[in-house]
Amino acid sequence: MGGSASEALRVSHSTHAFSQTIDLDAYVAAYAETGFFGIDALYMNDDDNRRFAAESTMELAMPVLFLSGVYDYVCDTERSDMMRPMRQACHDLTIVAIKSAHWMMHERPTDVEAAIVAWLDAMK
């Protein structure tokens, strides 16, 4: 295909219909088969996750993009100190606030795409 990553994202998004109904059906089928524990385990492991983050010495020098959901009360990165470890570890961190809750790609796909494309374009 050639071209930049941001061009590829634009083409991909414009040629594939984004249907919440189809996505919801796929999620329901997958969770009916495998259960919800796997994805839910991350949220039930909060103490260990915080301890790991506090003890981590990992640093990232490459550009990092984090999309924050303004109304996300599941992973509240807007009103809590949850982002502190990422801010410390990522030397080239860009944070973009999306006016969405937890499932921002479903709630605000155009805003998510625009944020990613703008971030990629800024690296040219």
N, C-alpha and C. Protein backbone atom coordinates (compact mmCIF):
# COMPACT_ATOMS: atom_id res chain seq x y z
N MET A 1 0.82 -1.19 0.00
CA MET A 1 0.00 0.00 0.00
C MET A 1 0.86 1.25 0.00
N GLY A 2 1.96 1.28 0.75
CA GLY A 2 2.82 2.46 0.77
C GLY A 2 2.21 3.59 1.56
N GLY A 3 2.98 4.65 1.74
CA GLY A 3 2.46 5.82 2.44
C GLY A 3 2.71 5.73 3.93
N SER A 4 2.21 6.74 4.63
CA SER A 4 2.44 6.82 6.06
C SER A 4 1.44 5.97 6.84
N ALA A 5 1.76 5.76 8.10
CA ALA A 5 0.84 5.02 8.96
C ALA A 5 -0.47 5.77 9.12
N SER A 6 -0.41 7.09 9.17
CA SER A 6 -1.66 7.85 9.32
C SER A 6 -2.53 7.73 8.07
N GLU A 7 -1.91 7.64 6.89
CA GLU A 7 -2.69 7.42 5.67
C GLU A 7 -3.35 6.05 5.69
N ALA A 8 -2.62 5.04 6.18
CA ALA A 8 -3.18 3.70 6.26
C ALA A 8 -4.37 3.66 7.21
N LEU A 9 -4.28 4.39 8.33
CA LEU A 9 -5.38 4.43 9.27
C LEU A 9 -6.59 5.10 8.65
N ARG A 10 -6.36 6.19 7.92
CA ARG A 10 -7.49 6.88 7.26
C ARG A 10 -8.18 5.95 6.27
N VAL A 11 -7.41 5.21 5.46
CA VAL A 11 -7.98 4.30 4.47
C VAL A 11 -8.72 3.18 5.17
N SER A 12 -8.10 2.59 6.19
CA SER A 12 -8.72 1.49 6.91
C SER A 12 -10.06 1.91 7.50
N HIS A 13 -10.08 3.07 8.15
CA HIS A 13 -11.31 3.51 8.80
C HIS A 13 -12.39 3.86 7.77
N SER A 14 -11.99 4.42 6.66
CA SER A 14 -12.99 4.85 5.69
C SER A 14 -13.55 3.69 4.87
N THR A 15 -12.84 2.55 4.82
CA THR A 15 -13.32 1.45 3.99
C THR A 15 -14.01 0.34 4.80
N HIS A 16 -14.02 0.45 6.11
CA HIS A 16 -14.66 -0.55 6.95
C HIS A 16 -15.75 0.11 7.78
N ALA A 17 -16.97 -0.34 7.59
CA ALA A 17 -18.08 0.23 8.35
C ALA A 17 -17.91 -0.09 9.83
N PHE A 18 -18.15 0.89 10.65
CA PHE A 18 -18.05 0.70 12.09
C PHE A 18 -19.46 0.53 12.63
N SER A 19 -19.80 -0.70 12.99
CA SER A 19 -21.16 -0.97 13.42
C SER A 19 -21.17 -1.45 14.86
N GLN A 20 -21.77 -0.67 15.72
CA GLN A 20 -21.82 -1.07 17.12
C GLN A 20 -22.65 -2.34 17.30
N THR A 21 -23.66 -2.54 16.47
CA THR A 21 -24.47 -3.74 16.58
C THR A 21 -23.65 -4.98 16.27
N ILE A 22 -22.88 -4.93 15.20
CA ILE A 22 -22.03 -6.07 14.84
C ILE A 22 -20.99 -6.30 15.93
N ASP A 23 -20.37 -5.23 16.42
CA ASP A 23 -19.38 -5.36 17.48
C ASP A 23 -20.00 -5.94 18.74
N LEU A 24 -21.16 -5.45 19.13
CA LEU A 24 -21.81 -5.95 20.33
C LEU A 24 -22.12 -7.43 20.18
N ASP A 25 -22.63 -7.85 19.03
CA ASP A 25 -22.91 -9.26 18.80
C ASP A 25 -21.64 -10.10 18.92
N ALA A 26 -20.53 -9.60 18.40
CA ALA A 26 -19.27 -10.33 18.48
C ALA A 26 -18.80 -10.44 19.93
N TYR A 27 -18.91 -9.37 20.70
CA TYR A 27 -18.52 -9.42 22.11
C TYR A 27 -19.40 -10.38 22.89
N VAL A 28 -20.70 -10.31 22.67
CA VAL A 28 -21.62 -11.20 23.39
C VAL A 28 -21.30 -12.65 23.08
N ALA A 29 -21.06 -12.97 21.82
CA ALA A 29 -20.72 -14.35 21.43
C ALA A 29 -19.41 -14.80 22.08
N ALA A 30 -18.40 -13.93 22.06
CA ALA A 30 -17.10 -14.30 22.64
C ALA A 30 -17.21 -14.50 24.14
N TYR A 31 -17.88 -13.58 24.83
CA TYR A 31 -18.00 -13.72 26.28
C TYR A 31 -18.90 -14.88 26.67
N ALA A 32 -19.89 -15.20 25.84
CA ALA A 32 -20.73 -16.36 26.11
C ALA A 32 -19.90 -17.64 26.04
N GLU A 33 -18.91 -17.66 25.16
CA GLU A 33 -18.06 -18.84 25.00
C GLU A 33 -16.95 -18.92 26.05
N THR A 34 -16.32 -17.79 26.35
CA THR A 34 -15.13 -17.82 27.20
C THR A 34 -15.35 -17.28 28.60
N GLY A 35 -16.45 -16.60 28.82
CA GLY A 35 -16.68 -15.98 30.12
C GLY A 35 -16.05 -14.60 30.19
N PHE A 36 -16.31 -13.90 31.27
CA PHE A 36 -15.87 -12.53 31.42
C PHE A 36 -14.67 -12.41 32.35
N PHE A 37 -14.25 -13.53 32.96
CA PHE A 37 -13.22 -13.45 33.98
C PHE A 37 -11.90 -12.89 33.44
N GLY A 38 -11.46 -13.34 32.28
CA GLY A 38 -10.16 -12.93 31.76
C GLY A 38 -9.98 -11.43 31.71
N ILE A 39 -10.90 -10.75 31.08
CA ILE A 39 -10.79 -9.30 30.95
C ILE A 39 -11.08 -8.61 32.28
N ASP A 40 -11.93 -9.19 33.09
CA ASP A 40 -12.27 -8.60 34.37
C ASP A 40 -11.15 -8.76 35.39
N ALA A 41 -10.28 -9.74 35.21
CA ALA A 41 -9.21 -10.01 36.17
C ALA A 41 -8.30 -8.79 36.34
N LEU A 42 -8.08 -8.05 35.28
CA LEU A 42 -7.23 -6.86 35.37
C LEU A 42 -7.77 -5.89 36.42
N TYR A 43 -9.06 -5.69 36.42
CA TYR A 43 -9.67 -4.73 37.34
C TYR A 43 -9.71 -5.26 38.77
N MET A 44 -9.71 -6.57 38.92
CA MET A 44 -9.74 -7.16 40.26
C MET A 44 -8.33 -7.28 40.84
N ASN A 45 -7.32 -6.93 40.08
CA ASN A 45 -5.93 -7.09 40.49
C ASN A 45 -5.29 -5.73 40.79
N ASP A 46 -6.06 -4.81 41.24
CA ASP A 46 -5.62 -3.42 41.38
C ASP A 46 -4.42 -3.26 42.32
N ASP A 47 -4.44 -3.94 43.46
CA ASP A 47 -3.33 -3.80 44.41
C ASP A 47 -2.01 -4.25 43.80
N ASP A 48 -2.02 -5.40 43.13
CA ASP A 48 -0.80 -5.90 42.49
C ASP A 48 -0.36 -4.99 41.34
N ASN A 49 -1.32 -4.49 40.58
CA ASN A 49 -0.98 -3.58 39.47
C ASN A 49 -0.32 -2.31 39.99
N ARG A 50 -0.85 -1.74 41.06
CA ARG A 50 -0.27 -0.53 41.64
C ARG A 50 1.13 -0.82 42.22
N ARG A 51 1.29 -1.95 42.86
CA ARG A 51 2.59 -2.32 43.41
C ARG A 51 3.61 -2.49 42.29
N PHE A 52 3.22 -3.17 41.22
CA PHE A 52 4.11 -3.36 40.08
C PHE A 52 4.53 -2.01 39.50
N ALA A 53 3.57 -1.12 39.32
CA ALA A 53 3.87 0.20 38.76
C ALA A 53 4.81 0.98 39.67
N ALA A 54 4.60 0.88 40.98
CA ALA A 54 5.43 1.61 41.93
C ALA A 54 6.87 1.08 41.95
N GLU A 55 7.03 -0.22 41.72
CA GLU A 55 8.36 -0.84 41.77
C GLU A 55 9.07 -0.84 40.42
N SER A 56 8.36 -0.53 39.37
CA SER A 56 8.93 -0.61 38.03
C SER A 56 9.99 0.45 37.80
N THR A 57 11.06 0.06 37.14
CA THR A 57 12.11 1.00 36.76
C THR A 57 12.14 1.18 35.24
N MET A 58 11.14 0.63 34.56
CA MET A 58 11.09 0.70 33.10
C MET A 58 10.88 2.15 32.65
N GLU A 59 11.59 2.51 31.59
CA GLU A 59 11.41 3.82 30.98
C GLU A 59 11.27 3.64 29.48
N LEU A 60 10.44 4.47 28.88
CA LEU A 60 10.23 4.43 27.43
C LEU A 60 10.70 5.74 26.83
N ALA A 61 11.63 5.64 25.89
CA ALA A 61 12.15 6.84 25.23
C ALA A 61 11.39 7.15 23.95
N MET A 62 10.70 6.15 23.39
CA MET A 62 9.99 6.36 22.13
C MET A 62 8.69 7.15 22.36
N PRO A 63 8.16 7.76 21.32
CA PRO A 63 6.90 8.48 21.47
C PRO A 63 5.77 7.54 21.91
N VAL A 64 4.96 8.01 22.85
CA VAL A 64 3.85 7.24 23.39
C VAL A 64 2.61 8.12 23.34
N LEU A 65 1.51 7.56 22.85
CA LEU A 65 0.23 8.25 22.84
C LEU A 65 -0.71 7.55 23.81
N PHE A 66 -1.33 8.32 24.70
CA PHE A 66 -2.34 7.78 25.60
C PHE A 66 -3.62 8.56 25.40
N LEU A 67 -4.70 7.84 25.14
CA LEU A 67 -6.01 8.46 25.00
C LEU A 67 -6.77 8.28 26.30
N SER A 68 -7.17 9.37 26.89
CA SER A 68 -7.85 9.35 28.18
C SER A 68 -9.33 9.64 27.97
N GLY A 69 -10.18 8.84 28.58
CA GLY A 69 -11.62 9.06 28.50
C GLY A 69 -12.06 10.03 29.59
N VAL A 70 -12.54 11.20 29.19
CA VAL A 70 -12.94 12.23 30.14
C VAL A 70 -13.98 11.72 31.13
N TYR A 71 -14.91 10.87 30.64
CA TYR A 71 -15.99 10.36 31.48
C TYR A 71 -15.78 8.91 31.87
N ASP A 72 -14.55 8.44 31.81
CA ASP A 72 -14.23 7.04 32.15
C ASP A 72 -14.03 6.92 33.65
N TYR A 73 -15.01 6.36 34.33
CA TYR A 73 -14.90 6.18 35.77
C TYR A 73 -14.41 4.77 36.11
N VAL A 74 -14.17 3.92 35.10
CA VAL A 74 -13.58 2.60 35.31
C VAL A 74 -12.07 2.75 35.48
N CYS A 75 -11.45 3.41 34.51
CA CYS A 75 -10.01 3.72 34.58
C CYS A 75 -9.90 5.24 34.60
N ASP A 76 -10.10 5.80 35.74
CA ASP A 76 -10.19 7.25 35.87
C ASP A 76 -8.81 7.90 35.82
N THR A 77 -8.38 8.21 34.62
CA THR A 77 -7.08 8.86 34.45
C THR A 77 -7.19 10.38 34.45
N GLU A 78 -8.40 10.89 34.51
CA GLU A 78 -8.62 12.33 34.51
C GLU A 78 -8.60 12.92 35.92
N ARG A 79 -9.09 12.19 36.89
CA ARG A 79 -9.26 12.74 38.24
C ARG A 79 -8.44 11.99 39.30
N SER A 80 -7.68 11.01 38.92
CA SER A 80 -6.91 10.23 39.90
C SER A 80 -5.41 10.32 39.60
N ASP A 81 -4.62 9.66 40.41
CA ASP A 81 -3.17 9.65 40.18
C ASP A 81 -2.74 8.45 39.34
N MET A 82 -3.69 7.79 38.70
CA MET A 82 -3.42 6.60 37.92
C MET A 82 -2.36 6.82 36.83
N MET A 83 -2.27 8.02 36.31
CA MET A 83 -1.33 8.32 35.22
C MET A 83 0.09 8.61 35.70
N ARG A 84 0.27 8.79 36.99
CA ARG A 84 1.60 9.17 37.50
C ARG A 84 2.72 8.24 37.03
N PRO A 85 2.57 6.92 37.15
CA PRO A 85 3.65 6.05 36.67
C PRO A 85 3.94 6.21 35.17
N MET A 86 2.90 6.39 34.37
CA MET A 86 3.11 6.56 32.94
C MET A 86 3.82 7.88 32.66
N ARG A 87 3.42 8.92 33.35
CA ARG A 87 4.08 10.22 33.17
C ARG A 87 5.57 10.14 33.53
N GLN A 88 5.89 9.35 34.55
CA GLN A 88 7.27 9.22 34.98
C GLN A 88 8.08 8.34 34.02
N ALA A 89 7.47 7.31 33.47
CA ALA A 89 8.20 6.33 32.66
C ALA A 89 8.32 6.72 31.19
N CYS A 90 7.41 7.53 30.70
CA CYS A 90 7.39 7.87 29.27
C CYS A 90 7.96 9.27 29.07
N HIS A 91 9.11 9.34 28.42
CA HIS A 91 9.80 10.61 28.25
C HIS A 91 9.22 11.46 27.11
N ASP A 92 8.47 10.83 26.21
CA ASP A 92 7.87 11.55 25.09
C ASP A 92 6.39 11.17 25.03
N LEU A 93 5.66 11.57 26.07
CA LEU A 93 4.26 11.17 26.25
C LEU A 93 3.32 12.27 25.76
N THR A 94 2.37 11.87 24.94
CA THR A 94 1.29 12.75 24.51
C THR A 94 0.00 12.18 25.07
N ILE A 95 -0.76 13.01 25.76
CA ILE A 95 -2.05 12.59 26.31
C ILE A 95 -3.13 13.40 25.63
N VAL A 96 -4.12 12.70 25.10
CA VAL A 96 -5.26 13.36 24.46
C VAL A 96 -6.52 12.91 25.19
N ALA A 97 -7.28 13.88 25.67
CA ALA A 97 -8.54 13.60 26.35
C ALA A 97 -9.66 13.48 25.32
N ILE A 98 -10.34 12.35 25.34
CA ILE A 98 -11.48 12.09 24.45
C ILE A 98 -12.74 12.20 25.29
N LYS A 99 -13.73 12.91 24.81
CA LYS A 99 -14.98 13.08 25.56
C LYS A 99 -15.82 11.81 25.43
N SER A 100 -15.39 10.78 26.17
CA SER A 100 -16.07 9.49 26.15
C SER A 100 -15.93 8.85 27.52
N ALA A 101 -16.59 7.72 27.65
CA ALA A 101 -16.42 6.91 28.85
C ALA A 101 -15.38 5.83 28.55
N HIS A 102 -15.58 4.62 29.04
CA HIS A 102 -14.55 3.58 29.01
C HIS A 102 -14.30 3.00 27.62
N TRP A 103 -15.31 2.85 26.80
CA TRP A 103 -15.15 2.21 25.49
C TRP A 103 -15.09 3.29 24.41
N MET A 104 -14.06 4.10 24.46
CA MET A 104 -13.99 5.27 23.60
C MET A 104 -14.02 4.95 22.11
N MET A 105 -13.46 3.83 21.70
CA MET A 105 -13.46 3.49 20.27
C MET A 105 -14.88 3.24 19.77
N HIS A 106 -15.75 2.80 20.66
CA HIS A 106 -17.15 2.59 20.28
C HIS A 106 -17.96 3.87 20.43
N GLU A 107 -17.63 4.66 21.43
CA GLU A 107 -18.40 5.85 21.72
C GLU A 107 -18.03 7.04 20.83
N ARG A 108 -16.73 7.17 20.53
CA ARG A 108 -16.24 8.32 19.78
C ARG A 108 -15.19 7.90 18.75
N PRO A 109 -15.55 7.01 17.82
CA PRO A 109 -14.54 6.49 16.88
C PRO A 109 -13.87 7.59 16.05
N THR A 110 -14.60 8.59 15.65
CA THR A 110 -14.03 9.66 14.84
C THR A 110 -13.02 10.47 15.64
N ASP A 111 -13.32 10.73 16.91
CA ASP A 111 -12.39 11.48 17.76
C ASP A 111 -11.13 10.67 18.03
N VAL A 112 -11.29 9.37 18.25
CA VAL A 112 -10.13 8.50 18.48
C VAL A 112 -9.24 8.48 17.24
N GLU A 113 -9.87 8.28 16.09
CA GLU A 113 -9.10 8.27 14.84
C GLU A 113 -8.38 9.59 14.63
N ALA A 114 -9.06 10.70 14.85
CA ALA A 114 -8.45 12.02 14.66
C ALA A 114 -7.25 12.21 15.58
N ALA A 115 -7.36 11.76 16.82
CA ALA A 115 -6.25 11.90 17.76
C ALA A 115 -5.05 11.08 17.32
N ILE A 116 -5.29 9.86 16.86
CA ILE A 116 -4.19 9.01 16.41
C ILE A 116 -3.53 9.59 15.16
N VAL A 117 -4.36 10.00 14.22
CA VAL A 117 -3.83 10.56 12.97
C VAL A 117 -3.02 11.84 13.25
N ALA A 118 -3.54 12.72 14.10
CA ALA A 118 -2.81 13.96 14.42
C ALA A 118 -1.48 13.64 15.09
N TRP A 119 -1.46 12.65 15.98
CA TRP A 119 -0.23 12.27 16.67
C TRP A 119 0.78 11.70 15.68
N LEU A 120 0.32 10.83 14.79
CA LEU A 120 1.23 10.26 13.77
C LEU A 120 1.73 11.35 12.84
N ASP A 121 0.85 12.23 12.41
CA ASP A 121 1.26 13.31 11.51
C ASP A 121 2.28 14.25 12.16
N ALA A 122 2.17 14.45 13.47
CA ALA A 122 3.10 15.34 14.19
C ALA A 122 4.50 14.75 14.25
N MET A 123 4.63 13.44 14.03
CA MET A 123 5.95 12.80 14.08
C MET A 123 6.68 12.84 12.74
N LYS A 124 6.04 13.38 11.72
CA LYS A 124 6.69 13.42 10.39
C LYS A 124 7.88 14.34 10.40
